[in-house]
Amino acid sequence: MILHLLHTPALYRDCAALLTEHDTLLLLDDAADDAFIRSLTHLPCSVKVLDSADNHAKDQPLEPERITVDEWVRLVIAHRHSMTWG
């Protein structure tokens, strides 16, 4: 059960290769871009996006849950391990 913190889409393939059904993928910074999110499909784990004040596109295929900083902290506490992807 690992919390994967993906900051840049360039590292997505490396990150995705390690995802399991027990993990959580949190999209941050450049990886929270709507165009990148629309490109994601069929991941084995829960996907979340750190919410911001920006407007976001609707009807995304993956539709990850948008979370607050407080919810992010709860994820960190709930996951014994985390990996940060640049």
Protein backbone atom coordinates (compact mmCIF):
# COMPACT_ATOMS: atom_id res chain seq x y z
CA MET A 1 0.00 0.00 0.00
CA ILE A 2 1.97 2.96 -1.35
CA LEU A 3 0.94 6.56 -1.90
CA HIS A 4 2.50 7.63 -5.22
CA LEU A 5 2.91 11.42 -5.55
CA LEU A 6 3.21 12.19 -9.26
CA HIS A 7 4.39 15.76 -9.94
CA THR A 8 5.33 15.50 -13.62
CA PRO A 9 3.67 13.56 -16.47
CA ALA A 10 7.11 12.68 -17.86
CA LEU A 11 7.53 10.11 -15.07
CA TYR A 12 4.06 8.60 -15.42
CA ARG A 13 5.11 5.41 -17.24
CA ASP A 14 7.73 4.60 -14.60
CA CYS A 15 5.22 5.27 -11.85
CA ALA A 16 2.36 3.35 -13.52
CA ALA A 17 4.56 0.26 -13.86
CA LEU A 18 4.68 0.01 -10.06
CA LEU A 19 1.02 0.69 -9.25
CA THR A 20 -1.02 -2.04 -7.57
CA GLU A 21 -4.68 -2.22 -6.57
CA HIS A 22 -3.74 -1.37 -2.98
CA ASP A 23 -1.94 1.88 -3.88
CA THR A 24 -3.16 5.44 -4.38
CA LEU A 25 -1.90 7.78 -7.10
CA LEU A 26 -2.03 11.48 -6.17
CA LEU A 27 -1.59 13.93 -9.06
CA LEU A 28 0.11 17.21 -8.16
CA ASP A 29 1.59 20.22 -9.94
CA ASP A 30 2.04 19.55 -13.71
CA ALA A 31 0.46 16.08 -13.35
CA ALA A 32 -2.79 17.74 -12.20
CA ASP A 33 -3.22 19.22 -15.69
CA ASP A 34 -6.59 18.40 -17.23
CA ALA A 35 -5.07 17.34 -20.56
CA PHE A 36 -2.83 14.83 -18.79
CA ILE A 37 -5.70 13.56 -16.63
CA ARG A 38 -7.82 12.98 -19.75
CA SER A 39 -5.05 10.73 -21.10
CA LEU A 40 -5.22 8.36 -18.10
CA THR A 41 -7.29 5.20 -18.39
CA HIS A 42 -7.71 1.87 -16.59
CA LEU A 43 -5.38 2.26 -13.62
CA PRO A 44 -5.40 -0.51 -11.01
CA CYS A 45 -5.61 1.88 -8.06
CA SER A 46 -7.43 4.87 -6.65
CA VAL A 47 -6.51 8.17 -8.34
CA LYS A 48 -6.81 11.54 -6.65
CA VAL A 49 -5.93 15.12 -7.64
CA LEU A 50 -4.94 17.85 -5.22
CA ASP A 51 -7.66 20.41 -5.79
CA SER A 52 -6.84 23.99 -6.69
CA ALA A 53 -8.80 27.13 -7.44
CA ASP A 54 -8.33 26.56 -11.21
CA ASN A 55 -11.23 25.56 -13.39
CA HIS A 56 -11.15 21.96 -14.52
CA ALA A 57 -12.52 20.25 -17.59
CA LYS A 58 -15.60 18.07 -17.24
CA ASP A 59 -16.28 14.60 -18.62
CA GLN A 60 -12.80 13.22 -18.09
CA PRO A 61 -12.59 9.46 -18.69
CA LEU A 62 -10.84 8.69 -15.42
CA GLU A 63 -12.52 11.34 -13.25
CA PRO A 64 -10.12 11.22 -10.28
CA GLU A 65 -11.40 12.45 -6.95
CA ARG A 66 -10.33 16.01 -6.16
CA ILE A 67 -9.06 16.37 -2.60
CA THR A 68 -8.04 19.13 -0.21
CA VAL A 69 -4.72 19.50 1.59
CA ASP A 70 -6.35 18.07 4.75
CA GLU A 71 -7.43 14.99 2.79
CA TRP A 72 -3.88 14.70 1.42
CA VAL A 73 -2.55 14.62 4.97
CA ARG A 74 -5.02 11.82 5.80
CA LEU A 75 -3.74 9.87 2.78
CA VAL A 76 -0.16 10.23 3.98
CA ILE A 77 -1.16 8.94 7.41
CA ALA A 78 -3.14 6.04 5.90
CA HIS A 79 -0.32 4.86 3.61
CA ARG A 80 2.67 3.34 5.34
CA HIS A 81 4.97 4.19 2.43
CA SER A 82 5.05 6.90 -0.24
CA MET A 83 7.04 7.48 -3.41
CA THR A 84 7.53 10.89 -4.98
CA TRP A 85 7.79 11.05 -8.76
CA GLY A 86 9.62 14.30 -9.55
